[in-house]
Full PDB file with SEQRES, HELIX, SHEET, SSBOND, CRYST1, ORIGX, SCALE, CONECT and MASTER records, all heavy atoms in Angstrom:
SEQRES   1 A   34  LEU ALA THR PHE ARG SER ILE GLU ALA ARG ARG SER MET          
SEQRES   2 A   34  ILE ARG SER THR ASN THR GLY VAL SER ALA PHE ILE ASP          
SEQRES   3 A   34  PRO LEU GLY ARG ILE ALA ASP SER                              
HELIX    1 AA1 THR A    3  ALA A    9  1                                   7    
SHEET    1 AA1 3 MET A  13  ARG A  15  0                                        
SHEET    2 AA1 3 ALA A  23  ILE A  25 -1                                        
SHEET    3 AA1 3 ILE A  31  ASP A  33 -1                                        
CRYST1    1.000    1.000    1.000  90.00  90.00  90.00 P 1           1          
ORIGX1      1.000000  0.000000  0.000000        0.00000                         
ORIGX2      0.000000  1.000000  0.000000        0.00000                         
ORIGX3      0.000000  0.000000  1.000000        0.00000                         
SCALE1      1.000000  0.000000  0.000000        0.00000                         
SCALE2      0.000000  1.000000  0.000000        0.00000                         
SCALE3      0.000000  0.000000  1.000000        0.00000                         
ATOM      1  N   LEU A   1       7.431   4.670  -0.748  1.00  0.00           N  
ATOM      2  CA  LEU A   1       7.496   5.284   0.529  1.00  0.00           C  
ATOM      3  C   LEU A   1       6.282   4.975   1.427  1.00  0.00           C  
ATOM      4  O   LEU A   1       6.332   4.830   2.628  1.00  0.00           O  
ATOM      5  CB  LEU A   1       7.749   6.824   0.409  1.00  0.00           C  
ATOM      6  CG  LEU A   1       9.243   7.287   0.328  1.00  0.00           C  
ATOM      7  CD1 LEU A   1       9.889   6.620  -0.901  1.00  0.00           C  
ATOM      8  CD2 LEU A   1       9.269   8.778   0.194  1.00  0.00           C  
ATOM      9  N   ALA A   2       5.138   4.951   0.743  1.00  0.00           N  
ATOM     10  CA  ALA A   2       3.854   4.682   1.480  1.00  0.00           C  
ATOM     11  C   ALA A   2       3.778   3.319   2.051  1.00  0.00           C  
ATOM     12  O   ALA A   2       3.094   3.105   3.059  1.00  0.00           O  
ATOM     13  CB  ALA A   2       2.672   4.960   0.539  1.00  0.00           C  
ATOM     14  N   THR A   3       4.422   2.370   1.450  1.00  0.00           N  
ATOM     15  CA  THR A   3       4.409   0.960   1.915  1.00  0.00           C  
ATOM     16  C   THR A   3       4.814   0.781   3.379  1.00  0.00           C  
ATOM     17  O   THR A   3       4.328  -0.040   4.119  1.00  0.00           O  
ATOM     18  CB  THR A   3       5.223   0.004   1.106  1.00  0.00           C  
ATOM     19  OG1 THR A   3       6.553   0.356   1.146  1.00  0.00           O  
ATOM     20  CG2 THR A   3       4.774   0.021  -0.376  1.00  0.00           C  
ATOM     21  N   PHE A   4       5.629   1.685   3.858  1.00  0.00           N  
ATOM     22  CA  PHE A   4       6.158   1.542   5.251  1.00  0.00           C  
ATOM     23  C   PHE A   4       5.164   1.914   6.274  1.00  0.00           C  
ATOM     24  O   PHE A   4       5.239   1.535   7.460  1.00  0.00           O  
ATOM     25  CB  PHE A   4       7.459   2.364   5.415  1.00  0.00           C  
ATOM     26  CG  PHE A   4       8.585   1.801   4.567  1.00  0.00           C  
ATOM     27  CD1 PHE A   4       8.818   2.248   3.303  1.00  0.00           C  
ATOM     28  CD2 PHE A   4       9.463   0.834   5.116  1.00  0.00           C  
ATOM     29  CE1 PHE A   4       9.857   1.735   2.551  1.00  0.00           C  
ATOM     30  CE2 PHE A   4      10.494   0.354   4.338  1.00  0.00           C  
ATOM     31  CZ  PHE A   4      10.661   0.753   3.135  1.00  0.00           C  
ATOM     32  N   ARG A   5       4.091   2.663   5.859  1.00  0.00           N  
ATOM     33  CA  ARG A   5       2.992   2.950   6.783  1.00  0.00           C  
ATOM     34  C   ARG A   5       2.255   1.719   7.145  1.00  0.00           C  
ATOM     35  O   ARG A   5       1.744   1.515   8.249  1.00  0.00           O  
ATOM     36  CB  ARG A   5       2.057   4.016   6.238  1.00  0.00           C  
ATOM     37  CG  ARG A   5       2.681   5.331   5.817  1.00  0.00           C  
ATOM     38  CD  ARG A   5       3.254   6.179   6.917  1.00  0.00           C  
ATOM     39  NE  ARG A   5       4.635   5.675   7.308  1.00  0.00           N  
ATOM     40  CZ  ARG A   5       5.666   5.926   6.565  1.00  0.00           C  
ATOM     41  NH1 ARG A   5       5.601   6.592   5.403  1.00  0.00           N  
ATOM     42  NH2 ARG A   5       6.886   5.509   6.935  1.00  0.00           N  
ATOM     43  N   SER A   6       2.121   0.793   6.174  1.00  0.00           N  
ATOM     44  CA  SER A   6       1.452  -0.471   6.473  1.00  0.00           C  
ATOM     45  C   SER A   6       2.274  -1.298   7.461  1.00  0.00           C  
ATOM     46  O   SER A   6       1.614  -2.031   8.294  1.00  0.00           O  
ATOM     47  CB  SER A   6       1.248  -1.251   5.144  1.00  0.00           C  
ATOM     48  OG  SER A   6       0.184  -0.705   4.355  1.00  0.00           O  
ATOM     49  N   ILE A   7       3.525  -1.314   7.366  1.00  0.00           N  
ATOM     50  CA  ILE A   7       4.352  -2.051   8.282  1.00  0.00           C  
ATOM     51  C   ILE A   7       4.242  -1.440   9.714  1.00  0.00           C  
ATOM     52  O   ILE A   7       4.077  -2.154  10.711  1.00  0.00           O  
ATOM     53  CB  ILE A   7       5.843  -2.139   7.869  1.00  0.00           C  
ATOM     54  CG1 ILE A   7       5.957  -2.674   6.449  1.00  0.00           C  
ATOM     55  CG2 ILE A   7       6.630  -3.061   8.806  1.00  0.00           C  
ATOM     56  CD1 ILE A   7       7.354  -2.683   5.898  1.00  0.00           C  
ATOM     57  N   GLU A   8       4.356  -0.106   9.786  1.00  0.00           N  
ATOM     58  CA  GLU A   8       4.214   0.553  11.073  1.00  0.00           C  
ATOM     59  C   GLU A   8       2.980   0.274  11.786  1.00  0.00           C  
ATOM     60  O   GLU A   8       2.908  -0.001  12.977  1.00  0.00           O  
ATOM     61  CB  GLU A   8       4.399   2.067  10.885  1.00  0.00           C  
ATOM     62  CG  GLU A   8       5.784   2.492  10.486  1.00  0.00           C  
ATOM     63  CD  GLU A   8       5.827   3.950   9.988  1.00  0.00           C  
ATOM     64  OE1 GLU A   8       4.749   4.553   9.785  1.00  0.00           O  
ATOM     65  OE2 GLU A   8       6.910   4.436   9.751  1.00  0.00           O  
ATOM     66  N   ALA A   9       1.847   0.294  11.073  1.00  0.00           N  
ATOM     67  CA  ALA A   9       0.501   0.104  11.649  1.00  0.00           C  
ATOM     68  C   ALA A   9       0.103  -1.378  11.619  1.00  0.00           C  
ATOM     69  O   ALA A   9      -0.939  -1.763  12.278  1.00  0.00           O  
ATOM     70  CB  ALA A   9      -0.513   0.995  10.907  1.00  0.00           C  
ATOM     71  N   ARG A  10       0.762  -2.199  10.785  1.00  0.00           N  
ATOM     72  CA  ARG A  10       0.326  -3.597  10.553  1.00  0.00           C  
ATOM     73  C   ARG A  10      -1.109  -3.637  10.042  1.00  0.00           C  
ATOM     74  O   ARG A  10      -1.996  -4.350  10.531  1.00  0.00           O  
ATOM     75  CB  ARG A  10       0.465  -4.470  11.796  1.00  0.00           C  
ATOM     76  CG  ARG A  10       1.959  -4.782  12.146  1.00  0.00           C  
ATOM     77  CD  ARG A  10       2.645  -5.483  10.943  1.00  0.00           C  
ATOM     78  NE  ARG A  10       3.956  -5.943  11.288  1.00  0.00           N  
ATOM     79  CZ  ARG A  10       4.868  -6.217  10.379  1.00  0.00           C  
ATOM     80  NH1 ARG A  10       4.652  -6.007   9.130  1.00  0.00           N  
ATOM     81  NH2 ARG A  10       6.103  -6.620  10.750  1.00  0.00           N  
ATOM     82  N   ARG A  11      -1.391  -2.772   9.021  1.00  0.00           N  
ATOM     83  CA  ARG A  11      -2.660  -2.764   8.409  1.00  0.00           C  
ATOM     84  C   ARG A  11      -2.477  -2.691   6.935  1.00  0.00           C  
ATOM     85  O   ARG A  11      -1.474  -2.195   6.332  1.00  0.00           O  
ATOM     86  CB  ARG A  11      -3.495  -1.458   8.785  1.00  0.00           C  
ATOM     87  CG  ARG A  11      -3.873  -1.418  10.287  1.00  0.00           C  
ATOM     88  CD  ARG A  11      -4.795  -2.558  10.704  1.00  0.00           C  
ATOM     89  NE  ARG A  11      -5.317  -2.437  12.071  1.00  0.00           N  
ATOM     90  CZ  ARG A  11      -4.822  -3.030  13.127  1.00  0.00           C  
ATOM     91  NH1 ARG A  11      -3.740  -3.823  12.978  1.00  0.00           N  
ATOM     92  NH2 ARG A  11      -5.383  -2.892  14.264  1.00  0.00           N  
ATOM     93  N   SER A  12      -3.446  -3.236   6.180  1.00  0.00           N  
ATOM     94  CA  SER A  12      -3.483  -3.096   4.699  1.00  0.00           C  
ATOM     95  C   SER A  12      -3.724  -1.667   4.319  1.00  0.00           C  
ATOM     96  O   SER A  12      -4.308  -0.908   5.105  1.00  0.00           O  
ATOM     97  CB  SER A  12      -4.634  -3.913   4.044  1.00  0.00           C  
ATOM     98  OG  SER A  12      -4.489  -5.307   4.442  1.00  0.00           O  
ATOM     99  N   MET A  13      -3.185  -1.310   3.142  1.00  0.00           N  
ATOM    100  CA  MET A  13      -3.457   0.046   2.596  1.00  0.00           C  
ATOM    101  C   MET A  13      -4.153  -0.061   1.255  1.00  0.00           C  
ATOM    102  O   MET A  13      -3.750  -0.861   0.391  1.00  0.00           O  
ATOM    103  CB  MET A  13      -2.124   0.893   2.433  1.00  0.00           C  
ATOM    104  CG  MET A  13      -2.398   2.244   1.755  1.00  0.00           C  
ATOM    105  SD  MET A  13      -0.871   3.228   1.570  1.00  0.00           S  
ATOM    106  CE  MET A  13      -0.426   3.655   3.231  1.00  0.00           C  
ATOM    107  N   ILE A  14      -5.213   0.764   1.153  1.00  0.00           N  
ATOM    108  CA  ILE A  14      -5.938   0.878  -0.159  1.00  0.00           C  
ATOM    109  C   ILE A  14      -5.505   2.195  -0.716  1.00  0.00           C  
ATOM    110  O   ILE A  14      -5.714   3.281  -0.081  1.00  0.00           O  
ATOM    111  CB  ILE A  14      -7.415   0.876   0.030  1.00  0.00           C  
ATOM    112  CG1 ILE A  14      -7.915  -0.460   0.749  1.00  0.00           C  
ATOM    113  CG2 ILE A  14      -8.152   1.115  -1.238  1.00  0.00           C  
ATOM    114  CD1 ILE A  14      -9.291  -0.445   1.243  1.00  0.00           C  
ATOM    115  N   ARG A  15      -4.897   2.213  -1.912  1.00  0.00           N  
ATOM    116  CA  ARG A  15      -4.326   3.457  -2.414  1.00  0.00           C  
ATOM    117  C   ARG A  15      -4.798   3.729  -3.869  1.00  0.00           C  
ATOM    118  O   ARG A  15      -4.522   2.996  -4.816  1.00  0.00           O  
ATOM    119  CB  ARG A  15      -2.760   3.342  -2.393  1.00  0.00           C  
ATOM    120  CG  ARG A  15      -2.034   4.630  -2.770  1.00  0.00           C  
ATOM    121  CD  ARG A  15      -0.573   4.468  -2.450  1.00  0.00           C  
ATOM    122  NE  ARG A  15       0.075   5.760  -2.486  1.00  0.00           N  
ATOM    123  CZ  ARG A  15       0.611   6.297  -3.635  1.00  0.00           C  
ATOM    124  NH1 ARG A  15       0.570   5.650  -4.748  1.00  0.00           N  
ATOM    125  NH2 ARG A  15       1.226   7.468  -3.646  1.00  0.00           N  
ATOM    126  N   SER A  16      -5.577   4.855  -4.051  1.00  0.00           N  
ATOM    127  CA  SER A  16      -6.181   5.204  -5.346  1.00  0.00           C  
ATOM    128  C   SER A  16      -5.532   6.516  -5.749  1.00  0.00           C  
ATOM    129  O   SER A  16      -5.521   7.487  -5.101  1.00  0.00           O  
ATOM    130  CB  SER A  16      -7.682   5.315  -5.170  1.00  0.00           C  
ATOM    131  OG  SER A  16      -8.226   5.694  -6.405  1.00  0.00           O  
ATOM    132  N   THR A  17      -5.052   6.548  -6.999  1.00  0.00           N  
ATOM    133  CA  THR A  17      -4.463   7.723  -7.597  1.00  0.00           C  
ATOM    134  C   THR A  17      -5.086   8.030  -9.013  1.00  0.00           C  
ATOM    135  O   THR A  17      -5.690   7.183  -9.625  1.00  0.00           O  
ATOM    136  CB  THR A  17      -2.903   7.498  -7.818  1.00  0.00           C  
ATOM    137  OG1 THR A  17      -2.737   6.561  -8.849  1.00  0.00           O  
ATOM    138  CG2 THR A  17      -2.252   6.941  -6.528  1.00  0.00           C  
ATOM    139  N   ASN A  18      -4.842   9.268  -9.436  1.00  0.00           N  
ATOM    140  CA  ASN A  18      -5.462   9.729 -10.699  1.00  0.00           C  
ATOM    141  C   ASN A  18      -4.801   9.057 -11.858  1.00  0.00           C  
ATOM    142  O   ASN A  18      -5.530   8.599 -12.807  1.00  0.00           O  
ATOM    143  CB  ASN A  18      -5.312  11.288 -10.833  1.00  0.00           C  
ATOM    144  CG  ASN A  18      -6.109  12.014  -9.727  1.00  0.00           C  
ATOM    145  OD1 ASN A  18      -5.767  11.839  -8.583  1.00  0.00           O  
ATOM    146  ND2 ASN A  18      -7.036  12.821 -10.191  1.00  0.00           N  
ATOM    147  N   THR A  19      -3.510   9.080 -11.910  1.00  0.00           N  
ATOM    148  CA  THR A  19      -2.739   8.610 -13.100  1.00  0.00           C  
ATOM    149  C   THR A  19      -1.794   7.504 -12.714  1.00  0.00           C  
ATOM    150  O   THR A  19      -0.945   7.153 -13.598  1.00  0.00           O  
ATOM    151  CB  THR A  19      -1.982   9.790 -13.739  1.00  0.00           C  
ATOM    152  OG1 THR A  19      -1.166  10.431 -12.743  1.00  0.00           O  
ATOM    153  CG2 THR A  19      -2.958  10.898 -14.242  1.00  0.00           C  
ATOM    154  N   GLY A  20      -1.905   6.921 -11.607  1.00  0.00           N  
ATOM    155  CA  GLY A  20      -0.978   5.887 -11.179  1.00  0.00           C  
ATOM    156  C   GLY A  20       0.073   6.421 -10.205  1.00  0.00           C  
ATOM    157  O   GLY A  20       0.354   7.637 -10.219  1.00  0.00           O  
ATOM    158  N   VAL A  21       0.559   5.574  -9.316  1.00  0.00           N  
ATOM    159  CA  VAL A  21       0.313   4.136  -9.284  1.00  0.00           C  
ATOM    160  C   VAL A  21      -0.705   3.830  -8.186  1.00  0.00           C  
ATOM    161  O   VAL A  21      -0.465   4.105  -7.029  1.00  0.00           O  
ATOM    162  CB  VAL A  21       1.614   3.408  -9.007  1.00  0.00           C  
ATOM    163  CG1 VAL A  21       1.354   1.919  -8.991  1.00  0.00           C  
ATOM    164  CG2 VAL A  21       2.721   3.793 -10.069  1.00  0.00           C  
ATOM    165  N   SER A  22      -1.845   3.210  -8.543  1.00  0.00           N  
ATOM    166  CA  SER A  22      -2.875   2.779  -7.584  1.00  0.00           C  
ATOM    167  C   SER A  22      -2.447   1.366  -7.143  1.00  0.00           C  
ATOM    168  O   SER A  22      -1.928   0.592  -7.985  1.00  0.00           O  
ATOM    169  CB  SER A  22      -4.300   2.743  -8.178  1.00  0.00           C  
ATOM    170  OG  SER A  22      -4.648   4.070  -8.638  1.00  0.00           O  
ATOM    171  N   ALA A  23      -2.737   1.024  -5.915  1.00  0.00           N  
ATOM    172  CA  ALA A  23      -2.244  -0.286  -5.393  1.00  0.00           C  
ATOM    173  C   ALA A  23      -2.992  -0.720  -4.139  1.00  0.00           C  
ATOM    174  O   ALA A  23      -3.561   0.075  -3.438  1.00  0.00           O  
ATOM    175  CB  ALA A  23      -0.722  -0.146  -5.109  1.00  0.00           C  
ATOM    176  N   PHE A  24      -2.808  -2.090  -3.908  1.00  0.00           N  
ATOM    177  CA  PHE A  24      -3.191  -2.676  -2.624  1.00  0.00           C  
ATOM    178  C   PHE A  24      -1.894  -3.107  -1.997  1.00  0.00           C  
ATOM    179  O   PHE A  24      -1.071  -3.753  -2.600  1.00  0.00           O  
ATOM    180  CB  PHE A  24      -4.138  -3.899  -2.904  1.00  0.00           C  
ATOM    181  CG  PHE A  24      -5.412  -3.553  -3.510  1.00  0.00           C  
ATOM    182  CD1 PHE A  24      -5.757  -4.047  -4.807  1.00  0.00           C  
ATOM    183  CD2 PHE A  24      -6.290  -2.770  -2.865  1.00  0.00           C  
ATOM    184  CE1 PHE A  24      -6.950  -3.744  -5.362  1.00  0.00           C  
ATOM    185  CE2 PHE A  24      -7.563  -2.508  -3.448  1.00  0.00           C  
ATOM    186  CZ  PHE A  24      -7.910  -2.957  -4.689  1.00  0.00           C  
ATOM    187  N   ILE A  25      -1.708  -2.719  -0.737  1.00  0.00           N  
ATOM    188  CA  ILE A  25      -0.517  -2.993   0.063  1.00  0.00           C  
ATOM    189  C   ILE A  25      -0.919  -3.833   1.255  1.00  0.00           C  
ATOM    190  O   ILE A  25      -1.912  -3.449   1.948  1.00  0.00           O  
ATOM    191  CB  ILE A  25       0.201  -1.686   0.462  1.00  0.00           C  
ATOM    192  CG1 ILE A  25       0.533  -0.800  -0.752  1.00  0.00           C  
ATOM    193  CG2 ILE A  25       1.450  -2.017   1.313  1.00  0.00           C  
ATOM    194  CD1 ILE A  25       0.973   0.546  -0.393  1.00  0.00           C  
ATOM    195  N   ASP A  26      -0.255  -4.946   1.437  1.00  0.00           N  
ATOM    196  CA  ASP A  26      -0.675  -5.771   2.594  1.00  0.00           C  
ATOM    197  C   ASP A  26       0.092  -5.351   3.915  1.00  0.00           C  
ATOM    198  O   ASP A  26       0.956  -4.501   3.879  1.00  0.00           O  
ATOM    199  CB  ASP A  26      -0.409  -7.358   2.247  1.00  0.00           C  
ATOM    200  CG  ASP A  26       1.084  -7.689   2.355  1.00  0.00           C  
ATOM    201  OD1 ASP A  26       1.934  -6.857   2.710  1.00  0.00           O  
ATOM    202  OD2 ASP A  26       1.391  -8.830   2.004  1.00  0.00           O  
ATOM    203  N   PRO A  27      -0.305  -5.924   5.034  1.00  0.00           N  
ATOM    204  CA  PRO A  27       0.304  -5.441   6.331  1.00  0.00           C  
ATOM    205  C   PRO A  27       1.739  -5.742   6.458  1.00  0.00           C  
ATOM    206  O   PRO A  27       2.393  -5.233   7.487  1.00  0.00           O  
ATOM    207  CB  PRO A  27      -0.506  -6.216   7.371  1.00  0.00           C  
ATOM    208  CG  PRO A  27      -1.858  -6.544   6.680  1.00  0.00           C  
ATOM    209  CD  PRO A  27      -1.502  -6.839   5.296  1.00  0.00           C  
ATOM    210  N   LEU A  28       2.339  -6.467   5.582  1.00  0.00           N  
ATOM    211  CA  LEU A  28       3.822  -6.686   5.592  1.00  0.00           C  
ATOM    212  C   LEU A  28       4.497  -5.610   4.780  1.00  0.00           C  
ATOM    213  O   LEU A  28       5.757  -5.671   4.579  1.00  0.00           O  
ATOM    214  CB  LEU A  28       4.116  -8.050   5.029  1.00  0.00           C  
ATOM    215  CG  LEU A  28       3.797  -9.208   5.946  1.00  0.00           C  
ATOM    216  CD1 LEU A  28       3.670 -10.517   5.195  1.00  0.00           C  
ATOM    217  CD2 LEU A  28       4.928  -9.344   7.020  1.00  0.00           C  
ATOM    218  N   GLY A  29       3.771  -4.694   4.148  1.00  0.00           N  
ATOM    219  CA  GLY A  29       4.372  -3.667   3.316  1.00  0.00           C  
ATOM    220  C   GLY A  29       4.626  -4.097   1.903  1.00  0.00           C  
ATOM    221  O   GLY A  29       5.227  -3.405   1.096  1.00  0.00           O  
ATOM    222  N   ARG A  30       4.059  -5.234   1.503  1.00  0.00           N  
ATOM    223  CA  ARG A  30       4.231  -5.755   0.125  1.00  0.00           C  
ATOM    224  C   ARG A  30       3.154  -5.268  -0.769  1.00  0.00           C  
ATOM    225  O   ARG A  30       1.967  -5.177  -0.335  1.00  0.00           O  
ATOM    226  CB  ARG A  30       4.198  -7.296   0.155  1.00  0.00           C  
ATOM    227  CG  ARG A  30       5.346  -7.941   0.996  1.00  0.00           C  
ATOM    228  CD  ARG A  30       5.223  -9.466   1.007  1.00  0.00           C  
ATOM    229  NE  ARG A  30       3.991  -9.933   1.557  1.00  0.00           N  
ATOM    230  CZ  ARG A  30       3.759 -11.169   1.979  1.00  0.00           C  
ATOM    231  NH1 ARG A  30       4.795 -12.056   1.956  1.00  0.00           N  
ATOM    232  NH2 ARG A  30       2.591 -11.510   2.424  1.00  0.00           N  
ATOM    233  N   ILE A  31       3.546  -4.868  -1.929  1.00  0.00           N  
ATOM    234  CA  ILE A  31       2.550  -4.460  -3.016  1.00  0.00           C  
ATOM    235  C   ILE A  31       1.859  -5.607  -3.573  1.00  0.00           C  
ATOM    236  O   ILE A  31       2.503  -6.331  -4.375  1.00  0.00           O  
ATOM    237  CB  ILE A  31       3.221  -3.561  -4.025  1.00  0.00           C  
ATOM    238  CG1 ILE A  31       3.941  -2.313  -3.407  1.00  0.00           C  
ATOM    239  CG2 ILE A  31       2.218  -3.065  -5.062  1.00  0.00           C  
ATOM    240  CD1 ILE A  31       4.812  -1.518  -4.319  1.00  0.00           C  
ATOM    241  N   ALA A  32       0.653  -5.861  -3.144  1.00  0.00           N  
ATOM    242  CA  ALA A  32      -0.045  -7.045  -3.668  1.00  0.00           C  
ATOM    243  C   ALA A  32      -0.435  -6.924  -5.074  1.00  0.00           C  
ATOM    244  O   ALA A  32      -0.429  -7.947  -5.872  1.00  0.00           O  
ATOM    245  CB  ALA A  32      -1.295  -7.290  -2.779  1.00  0.00           C  
ATOM    246  N   ASP A  33      -0.882  -5.772  -5.501  1.00  0.00           N  
ATOM    247  CA  ASP A  33      -1.232  -5.549  -6.913  1.00  0.00           C  
ATOM    248  C   ASP A  33      -1.236  -4.055  -7.129  1.00  0.00           C  
ATOM    249  O   ASP A  33      -1.430  -3.222  -6.257  1.00  0.00           O  
ATOM    250  CB  ASP A  33      -2.648  -6.099  -7.209  1.00  0.00           C  
ATOM    251  CG  ASP A  33      -2.910  -6.344  -8.670  1.00  0.00           C  
ATOM    252  OD1 ASP A  33      -1.968  -6.097  -9.499  1.00  0.00           O  
ATOM    253  OD2 ASP A  33      -3.990  -6.822  -9.013  1.00  0.00           O  
ATOM    254  N   SER A  34      -0.936  -3.690  -8.391  1.00  0.00           N  
ATOM    255  CA  SER A  34      -0.879  -2.219  -8.740  1.00  0.00           C  
ATOM    256  C   SER A  34      -1.226  -1.960 -10.152  1.00  0.00           C  
ATOM    257  O   SER A  34      -1.236  -2.899 -11.018  1.00  0.00           O  
ATOM    258  CB  SER A  34       0.545  -1.685  -8.476  1.00  0.00           C  
ATOM    259  OG  SER A  34       1.479  -2.287  -9.255  1.00  0.00           O  
TER     260      SER A  34                                                      
MASTER        0    0    0    1    3    0    0    6  259    1    0    3          
END                                                                             
């Protein structure tokens, strides 16, 4: 669900979580790595 904020803003997202899933999301809403 969070990936769509990257598309709306056209910005990358840095996402850090305690137990997963942590990820890098690119401005196209694609999960680059997790």
